[in-house]
């Protein structure tokens, strides 16, 4: 397993991006959706650190749209997220 998958938050960010209607979300949308799922507030520095690590690793791309940073999975990020989802499904089938 790639090192990036060892962080649950990073995996969850990738799954949220994979599930997004148009395949991308603004940073604040991602943060809000994670906070809703975790039922807890995330420190911005920690959240954006996870997001930056995914960008640096080449699994997520970042672009600026007006005042907002918009994030989307790269091909490598999509592939790894799909592989992980298949592994999770296989665990439940066993």
C-alpha atoms as a PDB file:
ATOM      1  CA  UNK A   1       0.000   0.000   0.000  1.00  0.00           C
ATOM      2  CA  UNK A   2       1.228   3.461  -0.797  1.00  0.00           C
ATOM      3  CA  UNK A   3       2.188   5.641   2.103  1.00  0.00           C
ATOM      4  CA  UNK A   4      -0.564   8.143   1.233  1.00  0.00           C
ATOM      5  CA  UNK A   5      -3.225   5.524   1.983  1.00  0.00           C
ATOM      6  CA  UNK A   6      -2.047   5.121   5.566  1.00  0.00           C
ATOM      7  CA  UNK A   7      -3.836   8.318   6.559  1.00  0.00           C
ATOM      8  CA  UNK A   8      -7.577   7.927   6.966  1.00  0.00           C
ATOM      9  CA  UNK A   9      -8.097  11.627   6.384  1.00  0.00           C
ATOM     10  CA  UNK A  10      -6.214  11.490   3.081  1.00  0.00           C
ATOM     11  CA  UNK A  11      -8.234   8.467   1.985  1.00  0.00           C
ATOM     12  CA  UNK A  12     -11.460  10.217   2.935  1.00  0.00           C
ATOM     13  CA  UNK A  13     -10.475  13.334   0.984  1.00  0.00           C
ATOM     14  CA  UNK A  14      -9.847  11.169  -2.081  1.00  0.00           C
ATOM     15  CA  UNK A  15     -13.160   9.361  -1.676  1.00  0.00           C
ATOM     16  CA  UNK A  16     -15.001  12.681  -1.394  1.00  0.00           C
ATOM     17  CA  UNK A  17     -13.318  13.914  -4.575  1.00  0.00           C
ATOM     18  CA  UNK A  18     -14.129  10.655  -6.363  1.00  0.00           C
ATOM     19  CA  UNK A  19     -17.791  11.004  -5.362  1.00  0.00           C
ATOM     20  CA  UNK A  20     -18.104  14.689  -6.331  1.00  0.00           C
ATOM     21  CA  UNK A  21     -20.605  15.345  -9.119  1.00  0.00           C
ATOM     22  CA  UNK A  22     -18.110  17.052 -11.403  1.00  0.00           C
ATOM     23  CA  UNK A  23     -15.029  15.392  -9.892  1.00  0.00           C
ATOM     24  CA  UNK A  24     -13.822  18.467  -8.062  1.00  0.00           C
ATOM     25  CA  UNK A  25     -14.526  20.413  -4.882  1.00  0.00           C
ATOM     26  CA  UNK A  26     -13.381  23.632  -3.304  1.00  0.00           C
ATOM     27  CA  UNK A  27     -11.154  23.283  -0.275  1.00  0.00           C
ATOM     28  CA  UNK A  28     -13.815  24.594   2.101  1.00  0.00           C
ATOM     29  CA  UNK A  29     -16.397  22.168   0.662  1.00  0.00           C
ATOM     30  CA  UNK A  30     -14.032  19.269   1.311  1.00  0.00           C
ATOM     31  CA  UNK A  31     -13.355  20.457   4.841  1.00  0.00           C
ATOM     32  CA  UNK A  32     -17.073  20.926   5.595  1.00  0.00           C
ATOM     33  CA  UNK A  33     -17.967  17.478   4.272  1.00  0.00           C
ATOM     34  CA  UNK A  34     -15.250  15.828   6.337  1.00  0.00           C
ATOM     35  CA  UNK A  35     -16.317  17.712   9.460  1.00  0.00           C
ATOM     36  CA  UNK A  36     -19.886  16.579   8.864  1.00  0.00           C
ATOM     37  CA  UNK A  37     -18.785  12.968   8.424  1.00  0.00           C
ATOM     38  CA  UNK A  38     -16.459  13.025  11.449  1.00  0.00           C
ATOM     39  CA  UNK A  39     -18.963  15.060  13.500  1.00  0.00           C
ATOM     40  CA  UNK A  40     -16.018  17.144  14.658  1.00  0.00           C
ATOM     41  CA  UNK A  41     -14.247  20.354  13.714  1.00  0.00           C
ATOM     42  CA  UNK A  42     -10.961  19.996  11.831  1.00  0.00           C
ATOM     43  CA  UNK A  43      -8.124  22.386  12.434  1.00  0.00           C
ATOM     44  CA  UNK A  44      -7.500  24.219   9.132  1.00  0.00           C
ATOM     45  CA  UNK A  45      -3.724  23.790   9.353  1.00  0.00           C
ATOM     46  CA  UNK A  46      -4.054  20.038   9.787  1.00  0.00           C
ATOM     47  CA  UNK A  47      -6.708  19.642   7.080  1.00  0.00           C
ATOM     48  CA  UNK A  48      -4.848  21.707   4.497  1.00  0.00           C
ATOM     49  CA  UNK A  49      -1.629  19.905   5.433  1.00  0.00           C
ATOM     50  CA  UNK A  50      -3.275  16.604   4.458  1.00  0.00           C
ATOM     51  CA  UNK A  51      -4.544  18.143   1.247  1.00  0.00           C
ATOM     52  CA  UNK A  52      -1.111  19.579   0.413  1.00  0.00           C
ATOM     53  CA  UNK A  53       0.495  16.182   1.021  1.00  0.00           C
ATOM     54  CA  UNK A  54      -1.877  14.655  -1.547  1.00  0.00           C
ATOM     55  CA  UNK A  55      -1.026  17.412  -4.040  1.00  0.00           C
ATOM     56  CA  UNK A  56       2.711  16.967  -3.416  1.00  0.00           C
ATOM     57  CA  UNK A  57       2.386  13.194  -3.893  1.00  0.00           C
ATOM     58  CA  UNK A  58       0.639  13.693  -7.234  1.00  0.00           C
ATOM     59  CA  UNK A  59      -2.708  12.191  -6.247  1.00  0.00           C
ATOM     60  CA  UNK A  60      -4.667  15.457  -6.176  1.00  0.00           C
ATOM     61  CA  UNK A  61      -4.388  18.515  -8.377  1.00  0.00           C
ATOM     62  CA  UNK A  62      -5.074  22.054  -7.230  1.00  0.00           C
ATOM     63  CA  UNK A  63      -6.144  25.021  -9.310  1.00  0.00           C
ATOM     64  CA  UNK A  64      -7.333  28.480  -8.410  1.00  0.00           C
ATOM     65  CA  UNK A  65     -10.777  29.588  -9.504  1.00  0.00           C
ATOM     66  CA  UNK A  66     -11.383  33.191  -8.527  1.00  0.00           C
ATOM     67  CA  UNK A  67     -10.803  33.372  -4.777  1.00  0.00           C
ATOM     68  CA  UNK A  68     -11.076  29.620  -4.232  1.00  0.00           C
ATOM     69  CA  UNK A  69      -8.714  26.689  -4.528  1.00  0.00           C
ATOM     70  CA  UNK A  70     -10.380  23.792  -6.335  1.00  0.00           C
ATOM     71  CA  UNK A  71      -9.172  20.212  -5.957  1.00  0.00           C
ATOM     72  CA  UNK A  72      -9.608  17.113  -8.121  1.00  0.00           C
ATOM     73  CA  UNK A  73      -8.091  13.645  -8.249  1.00  0.00           C
ATOM     74  CA  UNK A  74      -5.330  13.045 -10.752  1.00  0.00           C
ATOM     75  CA  UNK A  75      -5.319   9.840 -12.797  1.00  0.00           C
ATOM     76  CA  UNK A  76      -2.971   8.329 -10.208  1.00  0.00           C
ATOM     77  CA  UNK A  77      -5.299   9.420  -7.394  1.00  0.00           C
ATOM     78  CA  UNK A  78      -8.319   7.935  -9.146  1.00  0.00           C
ATOM     79  CA  UNK A  79      -6.483   4.667  -9.717  1.00  0.00           C
ATOM     80  CA  UNK A  80      -5.330   4.372  -6.074  1.00  0.00           C
ATOM     81  CA  UNK A  81      -8.755   5.317  -4.724  1.00  0.00           C
ATOM     82  CA  UNK A  82     -10.422   2.726  -6.946  1.00  0.00           C
ATOM     83  CA  UNK A  83      -7.895   0.066  -5.901  1.00  0.00           C
ATOM     84  CA  UNK A  84      -8.559   0.835  -2.242  1.00  0.00           C
ATOM     85  CA  UNK A  85     -12.334   0.736  -2.741  1.00  0.00           C
ATOM     86  CA  UNK A  86     -12.007  -2.677  -4.403  1.00  0.00           C
ATOM     87  CA  UNK A  87      -9.903  -3.927  -1.500  1.00  0.00           C
ATOM     88  CA  UNK A  88     -12.517  -2.713   1.011  1.00  0.00           C
ATOM     89  CA  UNK A  89     -15.306  -4.426  -0.959  1.00  0.00           C
ATOM     90  CA  UNK A  90     -13.286  -7.660  -1.051  1.00  0.00           C
ATOM     91  CA  UNK A  91     -12.819  -7.513   2.726  1.00  0.00           C
ATOM     92  CA  UNK A  92     -16.591  -7.398   3.221  1.00  0.00           C
ATOM     93  CA  UNK A  93     -17.173 -10.236   0.773  1.00  0.00           C
ATOM     94  CA  UNK A  94     -14.808 -12.587   2.585  1.00  0.00           C
END
